[in-house]
């Protein structure tokens, strides 16, 4: 469920490169760009696999901090892989800079990330996973804006309206 690391190169305590497994396939974002949305059973199958990956990294004391369709690969055989752990960090490790506090992609970012919380945990990844599920099921992100700051403000200040998720596009169970 998670892209496998193969090798790394360090010198003087600085990580210079990572070698990851080669993955054939396409990103979930590519699939959404082509189809708009997915059937509920497809969306839930993908989310469950990524949730298992998140459970694993959380068990290792890591938070991903950038769950989104671009960071989910679907291989030709249908295997789902979570990629891009570039923003991942140990849970409980405080951020060093303001940029570190608000890392991620605004449309999928948890409110605490958007507010620049010094520490985030698996709950932020779960929120991002939910925003990804919303996108898969409804074909659009939960919050929009004209720029990243407006999107982050919406993440913090707005609630989803019931009519945003109704209209027959998803089942009562999914709602």
N, C-alpha and C. Protein backbone atom coordinates (compact mmCIF):
# COMPACT_ATOMS: atom_id res chain seq x y z
N UNK A 1 0.81 -1.20 0.00
CA UNK A 1 0.00 0.00 0.00
C UNK A 1 0.85 1.26 0.00
N UNK A 2 2.09 1.17 0.43
CA UNK A 2 3.00 2.33 0.47
C UNK A 2 4.15 2.04 -0.48
N UNK A 3 4.55 3.07 -1.23
CA UNK A 3 5.70 2.90 -2.11
C UNK A 3 6.88 2.44 -1.25
N UNK A 4 7.61 1.47 -1.77
CA UNK A 4 8.71 0.87 -1.00
C UNK A 4 10.01 1.62 -1.24
N UNK A 5 10.70 1.92 -0.17
CA UNK A 5 12.04 2.49 -0.27
C UNK A 5 13.05 1.39 -0.52
N UNK A 6 14.01 1.66 -1.42
CA UNK A 6 15.00 0.65 -1.78
C UNK A 6 16.37 1.00 -1.21
N UNK A 7 16.73 2.29 -1.27
CA UNK A 7 18.06 2.71 -0.82
C UNK A 7 18.02 4.19 -0.49
N UNK A 8 19.06 4.64 0.19
CA UNK A 8 19.20 6.07 0.50
C UNK A 8 20.67 6.42 0.53
N UNK A 9 20.95 7.68 0.35
CA UNK A 9 22.33 8.14 0.42
C UNK A 9 22.46 9.30 1.37
N UNK A 10 23.32 9.15 2.36
CA UNK A 10 23.54 10.19 3.36
C UNK A 10 25.03 10.52 3.42
N UNK A 11 25.30 11.75 3.76
CA UNK A 11 26.67 12.19 4.03
C UNK A 11 26.62 13.26 5.10
N UNK A 12 27.44 13.11 6.12
CA UNK A 12 27.49 14.06 7.23
C UNK A 12 26.10 14.30 7.84
N UNK A 13 25.31 13.24 7.93
CA UNK A 13 24.00 13.35 8.55
C UNK A 13 22.93 13.98 7.68
N UNK A 14 23.23 14.26 6.41
CA UNK A 14 22.27 14.88 5.50
C UNK A 14 21.82 13.84 4.47
N UNK A 15 20.52 13.71 4.30
CA UNK A 15 19.97 12.79 3.31
C UNK A 15 20.06 13.45 1.94
N UNK A 16 20.75 12.80 1.00
CA UNK A 16 20.92 13.35 -0.33
C UNK A 16 20.01 12.72 -1.37
N UNK A 17 19.67 11.47 -1.20
CA UNK A 17 18.77 10.85 -2.16
C UNK A 17 18.07 9.65 -1.55
N UNK A 18 16.92 9.34 -2.15
CA UNK A 18 16.15 8.15 -1.82
C UNK A 18 15.90 7.40 -3.12
N UNK A 19 16.00 6.11 -3.09
CA UNK A 19 15.64 5.28 -4.23
C UNK A 19 14.37 4.55 -3.84
N UNK A 20 13.33 4.74 -4.64
CA UNK A 20 12.04 4.13 -4.36
C UNK A 20 11.73 3.10 -5.44
N UNK A 21 10.83 2.18 -5.13
CA UNK A 21 10.41 1.20 -6.13
C UNK A 21 9.80 1.93 -7.32
N UNK A 22 9.98 1.36 -8.52
CA UNK A 22 9.38 1.92 -9.72
C UNK A 22 7.94 1.44 -9.80
N UNK A 23 7.04 2.38 -10.01
CA UNK A 23 5.62 2.05 -10.10
C UNK A 23 5.09 2.40 -11.48
N UNK A 24 4.53 1.42 -12.14
CA UNK A 24 3.80 1.70 -13.38
C UNK A 24 2.36 1.98 -12.98
N UNK A 25 1.72 2.82 -13.75
CA UNK A 25 0.32 3.13 -13.49
C UNK A 25 0.07 4.61 -13.62
N UNK A 26 -1.00 5.04 -12.99
CA UNK A 26 -1.36 6.46 -13.06
C UNK A 26 -1.86 6.91 -11.70
N UNK A 27 -1.81 8.22 -11.51
CA UNK A 27 -2.27 8.75 -10.24
C UNK A 27 -3.80 8.75 -10.21
N UNK A 28 -4.32 8.73 -9.01
CA UNK A 28 -5.76 8.84 -8.83
C UNK A 28 -6.24 10.16 -9.42
N UNK A 29 -5.42 11.20 -9.33
CA UNK A 29 -5.80 12.49 -9.91
C UNK A 29 -6.00 12.37 -11.42
N UNK A 30 -5.12 11.61 -12.09
CA UNK A 30 -5.29 11.39 -13.53
C UNK A 30 -6.62 10.71 -13.83
N UNK A 31 -6.97 9.73 -13.01
CA UNK A 31 -8.24 9.01 -13.19
C UNK A 31 -9.42 9.98 -12.99
N UNK A 32 -9.34 10.81 -11.94
CA UNK A 32 -10.40 11.78 -11.68
C UNK A 32 -10.49 12.83 -12.78
N UNK A 33 -9.35 13.23 -13.32
CA UNK A 33 -9.37 14.20 -14.42
C UNK A 33 -10.10 13.61 -15.64
N UNK A 34 -9.92 12.33 -15.84
CA UNK A 34 -10.52 11.68 -17.00
C UNK A 34 -12.01 11.35 -16.78
N UNK A 35 -12.37 10.89 -15.57
CA UNK A 35 -13.73 10.41 -15.32
C UNK A 35 -14.59 11.33 -14.46
N UNK A 36 -14.00 12.31 -13.82
CA UNK A 36 -14.75 13.22 -12.94
C UNK A 36 -14.93 12.67 -11.55
N UNK A 37 -15.49 11.49 -11.43
CA UNK A 37 -15.69 10.86 -10.12
C UNK A 37 -15.64 9.35 -10.33
N UNK A 38 -15.68 8.63 -9.23
CA UNK A 38 -15.66 7.17 -9.27
C UNK A 38 -16.95 6.64 -8.67
N UNK A 39 -17.26 5.40 -8.96
CA UNK A 39 -18.38 4.73 -8.29
C UNK A 39 -18.00 4.57 -6.83
N UNK A 40 -19.02 4.57 -5.97
CA UNK A 40 -18.78 4.49 -4.53
C UNK A 40 -17.93 3.29 -4.14
N UNK A 41 -18.22 2.11 -4.71
CA UNK A 41 -17.46 0.93 -4.32
C UNK A 41 -16.00 1.05 -4.71
N UNK A 42 -15.72 1.67 -5.85
CA UNK A 42 -14.33 1.90 -6.26
C UNK A 42 -13.65 2.87 -5.30
N UNK A 43 -14.34 3.97 -5.00
CA UNK A 43 -13.78 4.99 -4.11
C UNK A 43 -13.48 4.40 -2.73
N UNK A 44 -14.41 3.63 -2.20
CA UNK A 44 -14.22 3.04 -0.88
C UNK A 44 -13.09 2.01 -0.87
N UNK A 45 -12.96 1.24 -1.95
CA UNK A 45 -11.87 0.26 -2.03
C UNK A 45 -10.52 0.96 -2.01
N UNK A 46 -10.40 2.06 -2.72
CA UNK A 46 -9.15 2.82 -2.73
C UNK A 46 -8.87 3.41 -1.35
N UNK A 47 -9.88 4.04 -0.77
CA UNK A 47 -9.72 4.68 0.54
C UNK A 47 -9.32 3.66 1.61
N UNK A 48 -9.92 2.48 1.57
CA UNK A 48 -9.57 1.46 2.57
C UNK A 48 -8.11 1.04 2.44
N UNK A 49 -7.60 0.92 1.23
CA UNK A 49 -6.20 0.54 1.06
C UNK A 49 -5.27 1.64 1.56
N UNK A 50 -5.60 2.88 1.26
CA UNK A 50 -4.76 3.99 1.74
C UNK A 50 -4.87 4.11 3.26
N UNK A 51 -6.06 3.87 3.81
CA UNK A 51 -6.23 3.91 5.27
C UNK A 51 -5.34 2.86 5.94
N UNK A 52 -5.20 1.69 5.33
CA UNK A 52 -4.30 0.67 5.88
C UNK A 52 -2.85 1.15 5.86
N UNK A 53 -2.48 1.84 4.79
CA UNK A 53 -1.13 2.41 4.72
C UNK A 53 -0.91 3.47 5.79
N UNK A 54 -1.92 4.31 6.00
CA UNK A 54 -1.82 5.32 7.05
C UNK A 54 -1.75 4.69 8.43
N UNK A 55 -2.51 3.63 8.63
CA UNK A 55 -2.46 2.92 9.91
C UNK A 55 -1.03 2.39 10.15
N UNK A 56 -0.42 1.87 9.09
CA UNK A 56 0.93 1.35 9.23
C UNK A 56 1.93 2.47 9.57
N UNK A 57 1.91 3.56 8.81
CA UNK A 57 2.92 4.60 9.09
C UNK A 57 2.65 5.27 10.45
N UNK A 58 1.38 5.37 10.84
CA UNK A 58 1.08 5.92 12.16
C UNK A 58 1.64 5.00 13.24
N UNK A 59 1.58 3.70 13.00
CA UNK A 59 2.17 2.74 13.93
C UNK A 59 3.68 2.86 14.02
N UNK A 60 4.28 3.42 12.97
CA UNK A 60 5.71 3.67 12.95
C UNK A 60 6.05 5.06 13.50
N UNK A 61 4.99 5.79 13.93
CA UNK A 61 5.19 7.13 14.50
C UNK A 61 5.36 8.21 13.45
N UNK A 62 4.79 8.01 12.26
CA UNK A 62 4.94 8.96 11.16
C UNK A 62 3.58 9.51 10.75
N UNK A 63 3.53 10.78 10.41
CA UNK A 63 2.34 11.41 9.81
C UNK A 63 2.73 11.84 8.39
N UNK A 64 1.87 11.54 7.41
CA UNK A 64 2.16 11.79 5.99
C UNK A 64 2.09 13.28 5.65
N UNK A 65 1.02 13.94 6.00
CA UNK A 65 0.76 15.37 5.84
C UNK A 65 0.46 15.84 4.42
N UNK A 66 0.30 14.95 3.46
CA UNK A 66 -0.04 15.40 2.11
C UNK A 66 -0.82 14.31 1.35
N UNK A 67 -1.83 13.76 2.00
CA UNK A 67 -2.68 12.78 1.33
C UNK A 67 -3.57 13.52 0.34
N UNK A 68 -3.55 13.09 -0.91
CA UNK A 68 -4.34 13.70 -1.97
C UNK A 68 -4.32 12.77 -3.17
N UNK A 69 -5.21 12.97 -4.14
CA UNK A 69 -5.25 12.08 -5.31
C UNK A 69 -3.94 12.01 -6.10
N UNK A 70 -3.18 13.09 -6.13
CA UNK A 70 -1.89 13.07 -6.84
C UNK A 70 -0.88 12.14 -6.17
N UNK A 71 -1.07 11.83 -4.90
CA UNK A 71 -0.14 10.99 -4.16
C UNK A 71 -0.65 9.57 -3.96
N UNK A 72 -1.57 9.19 -4.81
CA UNK A 72 -2.09 7.82 -4.81
C UNK A 72 -1.94 7.28 -6.22
N UNK A 73 -1.22 6.18 -6.35
CA UNK A 73 -0.98 5.56 -7.66
C UNK A 73 -1.81 4.29 -7.76
N UNK A 74 -2.40 4.08 -8.93
CA UNK A 74 -3.13 2.86 -9.23
C UNK A 74 -2.34 2.13 -10.31
N UNK A 75 -1.83 0.95 -9.95
CA UNK A 75 -1.03 0.19 -10.91
C UNK A 75 -1.95 -0.50 -11.92
N UNK A 76 -1.40 -0.95 -13.05
CA UNK A 76 -2.23 -1.65 -14.04
C UNK A 76 -2.94 -2.88 -13.47
N UNK A 77 -2.38 -3.51 -12.46
CA UNK A 77 -3.02 -4.67 -11.85
C UNK A 77 -4.02 -4.29 -10.75
N UNK A 78 -4.21 -2.97 -10.54
CA UNK A 78 -5.20 -2.51 -9.57
C UNK A 78 -4.69 -2.31 -8.16
N UNK A 79 -3.38 -2.47 -7.96
CA UNK A 79 -2.80 -2.23 -6.63
C UNK A 79 -2.76 -0.72 -6.38
N UNK A 80 -3.13 -0.33 -5.18
CA UNK A 80 -3.15 1.08 -4.80
C UNK A 80 -1.92 1.34 -3.95
N UNK A 81 -1.16 2.38 -4.30
CA UNK A 81 0.06 2.73 -3.56
C UNK A 81 0.03 4.20 -3.16
N UNK A 82 0.36 4.46 -1.91
CA UNK A 82 0.54 5.82 -1.41
C UNK A 82 1.99 6.21 -1.67
N UNK A 83 2.18 7.39 -2.25
CA UNK A 83 3.53 7.85 -2.57
C UNK A 83 3.78 9.22 -1.94
N UNK A 84 4.95 9.74 -2.20
CA UNK A 84 5.38 11.09 -1.84
C UNK A 84 5.29 11.37 -0.34
N UNK A 85 6.24 10.81 0.36
CA UNK A 85 6.34 11.07 1.79
C UNK A 85 7.29 12.23 2.07
N UNK A 86 7.37 13.15 1.12
CA UNK A 86 8.28 14.30 1.25
C UNK A 86 7.96 15.22 2.41
N UNK A 87 6.69 15.30 2.80
CA UNK A 87 6.29 16.13 3.94
C UNK A 87 6.12 15.31 5.22
N UNK A 88 6.31 13.99 5.11
CA UNK A 88 6.13 13.13 6.28
C UNK A 88 7.12 13.49 7.37
N UNK A 89 6.69 13.30 8.62
CA UNK A 89 7.57 13.58 9.75
C UNK A 89 7.13 12.77 10.95
N UNK A 90 8.02 12.61 11.91
CA UNK A 90 7.63 11.90 13.13
C UNK A 90 6.50 12.62 13.87
N UNK A 91 5.51 11.87 14.33
CA UNK A 91 4.41 12.45 15.10
C UNK A 91 4.98 13.07 16.37
N UNK A 92 4.52 14.29 16.66
CA UNK A 92 4.96 14.98 17.86
C UNK A 92 6.21 15.82 17.69
N UNK A 93 6.88 15.70 16.55
CA UNK A 93 8.06 16.53 16.32
C UNK A 93 7.59 17.92 15.92
N UNK A 94 7.93 18.95 16.70
CA UNK A 94 7.47 20.29 16.37
C UNK A 94 8.10 20.79 15.06
N UNK A 95 7.36 21.65 14.38
CA UNK A 95 7.85 22.22 13.12
C UNK A 95 8.94 23.24 13.41
N UNK A 96 9.84 23.39 12.45
CA UNK A 96 10.95 24.32 12.63
C UNK A 96 10.67 25.69 12.04
N UNK A 97 9.88 25.71 10.95
CA UNK A 97 9.59 26.99 10.29
C UNK A 97 8.10 27.11 10.04
N UNK A 98 7.64 28.33 9.75
CA UNK A 98 6.23 28.55 9.43
C UNK A 98 5.83 27.78 8.18
N UNK A 99 6.74 27.65 7.23
CA UNK A 99 6.44 26.90 6.00
C UNK A 99 6.20 25.43 6.32
N UNK A 100 6.95 24.88 7.28
CA UNK A 100 6.75 23.49 7.67
C UNK A 100 5.37 23.29 8.29
N UNK A 101 4.87 24.29 9.00
CA UNK A 101 3.59 24.16 9.69
C UNK A 101 2.42 24.10 8.74
N UNK A 102 2.52 24.72 7.58
CA UNK A 102 1.40 24.74 6.64
C UNK A 102 1.71 23.97 5.37
N UNK A 103 2.52 22.92 5.47
CA UNK A 103 2.83 22.13 4.29
C UNK A 103 1.64 21.26 3.94
N UNK A 104 1.56 20.92 2.68
CA UNK A 104 0.47 20.11 2.18
C UNK A 104 -0.23 20.82 1.05
N UNK A 105 -1.33 20.27 0.61
CA UNK A 105 -2.09 20.83 -0.50
C UNK A 105 -3.39 21.39 0.07
N UNK A 106 -3.62 22.70 -0.07
CA UNK A 106 -4.73 23.35 0.61
C UNK A 106 -6.09 22.68 0.45
N UNK A 107 -6.42 22.16 -0.72
CA UNK A 107 -7.73 21.56 -0.95
C UNK A 107 -7.96 20.30 -0.11
N UNK A 108 -6.89 19.69 0.38
CA UNK A 108 -7.00 18.44 1.14
C UNK A 108 -6.47 18.60 2.57
N UNK A 109 -6.00 19.77 2.89
CA UNK A 109 -5.34 20.05 4.16
C UNK A 109 -6.34 20.11 5.31
N UNK A 110 -5.95 19.56 6.44
CA UNK A 110 -6.80 19.62 7.63
C UNK A 110 -6.82 21.05 8.18
N UNK A 111 -7.89 21.40 8.89
CA UNK A 111 -7.95 22.74 9.47
C UNK A 111 -6.75 23.07 10.36
N UNK A 112 -6.27 22.08 11.13
CA UNK A 112 -5.12 22.36 12.01
C UNK A 112 -3.85 22.64 11.19
N UNK A 113 -3.69 21.97 10.05
CA UNK A 113 -2.56 22.28 9.18
C UNK A 113 -2.72 23.68 8.60
N UNK A 114 -3.94 24.01 8.15
CA UNK A 114 -4.21 25.33 7.57
C UNK A 114 -3.97 26.44 8.58
N UNK A 115 -4.19 26.14 9.86
CA UNK A 115 -3.97 27.13 10.91
C UNK A 115 -2.52 27.20 11.35
N UNK A 116 -1.68 26.31 10.80
CA UNK A 116 -0.26 26.32 11.15
C UNK A 116 0.03 25.70 12.50
N UNK A 117 -0.73 24.68 12.88
CA UNK A 117 -0.49 24.00 14.15
C UNK A 117 0.94 23.48 14.21
N UNK A 118 1.57 23.61 15.36
CA UNK A 118 2.96 23.18 15.50
C UNK A 118 3.11 21.67 15.45
N UNK A 119 2.08 20.96 15.87
CA UNK A 119 2.14 19.49 15.84
C UNK A 119 0.85 18.97 15.23
N UNK A 120 0.99 18.08 14.27
CA UNK A 120 -0.17 17.39 13.71
C UNK A 120 0.06 15.89 13.86
N UNK A 121 -1.03 15.15 13.83
CA UNK A 121 -0.91 13.69 13.97
C UNK A 121 -1.78 13.02 12.92
N UNK A 122 -2.04 11.75 13.13
CA UNK A 122 -2.77 10.95 12.15
C UNK A 122 -4.16 11.52 11.86
N UNK A 123 -4.72 12.28 12.78
CA UNK A 123 -6.04 12.86 12.53
C UNK A 123 -6.03 13.80 11.33
N UNK A 124 -4.91 14.49 11.11
CA UNK A 124 -4.79 15.34 9.92
C UNK A 124 -4.79 14.50 8.66
N UNK A 125 -4.10 13.37 8.69
CA UNK A 125 -4.09 12.47 7.53
C UNK A 125 -5.49 11.89 7.29
N UNK A 126 -6.22 11.60 8.35
CA UNK A 126 -7.58 11.07 8.21
C UNK A 126 -8.48 12.12 7.57
N UNK A 127 -8.34 13.37 7.99
CA UNK A 127 -9.11 14.46 7.37
C UNK A 127 -8.80 14.54 5.88
N UNK A 128 -7.52 14.50 5.52
CA UNK A 128 -7.12 14.57 4.12
C UNK A 128 -7.64 13.37 3.34
N UNK A 129 -7.66 12.23 3.98
CA UNK A 129 -8.22 11.03 3.36
C UNK A 129 -9.71 11.23 3.10
N UNK A 130 -10.41 11.85 4.04
CA UNK A 130 -11.84 12.15 3.85
C UNK A 130 -12.06 13.14 2.71
N UNK A 131 -11.22 14.15 2.61
CA UNK A 131 -11.33 15.12 1.51
C UNK A 131 -11.07 14.42 0.17
N UNK A 132 -10.16 13.45 0.17
CA UNK A 132 -9.87 12.68 -1.03
C UNK A 132 -11.07 11.81 -1.39
N UNK A 133 -11.69 11.18 -0.41
CA UNK A 133 -12.89 10.38 -0.65
C UNK A 133 -14.01 11.26 -1.21
N UNK A 134 -14.19 12.42 -0.63
CA UNK A 134 -15.19 13.39 -1.11
C UNK A 134 -14.95 13.68 -2.59
N UNK A 135 -13.70 13.96 -2.95
CA UNK A 135 -13.36 14.26 -4.34
C UNK A 135 -13.65 13.06 -5.25
N UNK A 136 -13.29 11.87 -4.80
CA UNK A 136 -13.54 10.68 -5.61
C UNK A 136 -15.04 10.46 -5.82
N UNK A 137 -15.83 10.64 -4.78
CA UNK A 137 -17.27 10.34 -4.86
C UNK A 137 -18.06 11.42 -5.58
N UNK A 138 -17.66 12.68 -5.40
CA UNK A 138 -18.45 13.78 -5.95
C UNK A 138 -17.78 14.50 -7.12
N UNK A 139 -16.52 14.18 -7.39
CA UNK A 139 -15.86 14.77 -8.55
C UNK A 139 -15.33 16.17 -8.35
N UNK A 140 -15.29 16.62 -7.10
CA UNK A 140 -14.77 17.96 -6.82
C UNK A 140 -14.25 17.99 -5.38
N UNK A 141 -13.43 18.98 -5.08
CA UNK A 141 -12.89 19.11 -3.73
C UNK A 141 -13.93 19.72 -2.80
N UNK A 142 -13.84 19.47 -1.50
CA UNK A 142 -14.85 19.99 -0.57
C UNK A 142 -14.85 21.51 -0.43
N UNK A 143 -13.68 22.13 -0.51
CA UNK A 143 -13.59 23.58 -0.34
C UNK A 143 -12.80 24.18 -1.49
N UNK A 144 -13.26 25.33 -1.97
CA UNK A 144 -12.61 26.01 -3.09
C UNK A 144 -12.31 27.46 -2.71
N UNK A 145 -11.50 28.08 -3.52
CA UNK A 145 -11.20 29.48 -3.37
C UNK A 145 -10.42 29.97 -4.57
N UNK A 146 -10.23 31.27 -4.65
CA UNK A 146 -9.50 31.84 -5.79
C UNK A 146 -8.00 31.70 -5.63
N UNK A 147 -7.54 31.45 -4.39
CA UNK A 147 -6.11 31.21 -4.15
C UNK A 147 -5.97 30.30 -2.94
N UNK A 148 -4.73 29.89 -2.66
CA UNK A 148 -4.49 28.95 -1.56
C UNK A 148 -4.93 29.49 -0.20
N UNK A 149 -4.74 30.78 0.03
CA UNK A 149 -5.13 31.36 1.32
C UNK A 149 -6.64 31.30 1.51
N UNK A 150 -7.40 31.54 0.45
CA UNK A 150 -8.85 31.48 0.54
C UNK A 150 -9.32 30.04 0.79
N UNK A 151 -8.67 29.09 0.17
CA UNK A 151 -9.02 27.68 0.39
C UNK A 151 -8.71 27.30 1.83
N UNK A 152 -7.55 27.69 2.34
CA UNK A 152 -7.20 27.36 3.73
C UNK A 152 -8.15 28.03 4.70
N UNK A 153 -8.57 29.25 4.41
CA UNK A 153 -9.54 29.92 5.28
C UNK A 153 -10.87 29.16 5.27
N UNK A 154 -11.29 28.70 4.11
CA UNK A 154 -12.53 27.92 4.02
C UNK A 154 -12.42 26.63 4.82
N UNK A 155 -11.25 25.99 4.77
CA UNK A 155 -11.04 24.75 5.54
C UNK A 155 -11.29 25.00 7.03
N UNK A 156 -10.90 26.17 7.50
CA UNK A 156 -10.99 26.50 8.92
C UNK A 156 -12.35 27.07 9.30
N UNK A 157 -12.92 27.92 8.45
CA UNK A 157 -14.08 28.70 8.83
C UNK A 157 -15.42 28.18 8.33
N UNK A 158 -15.43 27.34 7.31
CA UNK A 158 -16.69 26.89 6.72
C UNK A 158 -17.00 25.44 7.07
N UNK A 159 -18.27 25.15 7.08
CA UNK A 159 -18.74 23.77 7.21
C UNK A 159 -19.25 23.34 5.84
N UNK A 160 -19.22 22.04 5.59
CA UNK A 160 -19.85 21.55 4.37
C UNK A 160 -21.35 21.68 4.52
N UNK A 161 -21.99 22.16 3.50
CA UNK A 161 -23.44 22.29 3.50
C UNK A 161 -24.04 20.94 3.09
N UNK A 162 -25.16 20.59 3.69
CA UNK A 162 -25.79 19.31 3.39
C UNK A 162 -26.10 19.18 1.90
N UNK A 163 -26.49 20.28 1.24
CA UNK A 163 -26.83 20.19 -0.17
C UNK A 163 -25.59 19.96 -1.05
N UNK A 164 -24.39 20.16 -0.50
CA UNK A 164 -23.18 19.90 -1.26
C UNK A 164 -22.97 18.40 -1.47
N UNK A 165 -23.50 17.59 -0.60
CA UNK A 165 -23.26 16.15 -0.70
C UNK A 165 -24.51 15.35 -1.05
N UNK A 166 -25.62 16.03 -1.19
CA UNK A 166 -26.85 15.34 -1.56
C UNK A 166 -27.07 15.46 -3.07
N UNK A 167 -28.27 15.21 -3.50
CA UNK A 167 -28.59 15.36 -4.90
C UNK A 167 -28.50 14.06 -5.68
N UNK A 168 -28.51 12.93 -4.98
CA UNK A 168 -28.54 11.65 -5.65
C UNK A 168 -27.22 11.14 -6.17
N UNK A 169 -26.14 11.88 -5.98
CA UNK A 169 -24.85 11.44 -6.51
C UNK A 169 -24.20 10.40 -5.62
N UNK A 170 -24.57 10.38 -4.34
CA UNK A 170 -24.02 9.39 -3.43
C UNK A 170 -25.15 8.77 -2.60
N UNK A 171 -24.90 7.58 -2.12
CA UNK A 171 -25.91 6.88 -1.33
C UNK A 171 -26.04 7.51 0.05
N UNK A 172 -27.12 7.17 0.72
CA UNK A 172 -27.32 7.64 2.09
C UNK A 172 -26.17 7.14 2.98
N UNK A 173 -25.74 5.90 2.77
CA UNK A 173 -24.64 5.33 3.55
C UNK A 173 -23.37 6.15 3.36
N UNK A 174 -23.05 6.49 2.13
CA UNK A 174 -21.83 7.28 1.85
C UNK A 174 -21.96 8.67 2.47
N UNK A 175 -23.15 9.24 2.40
CA UNK A 175 -23.37 10.58 2.96
C UNK A 175 -23.07 10.56 4.44
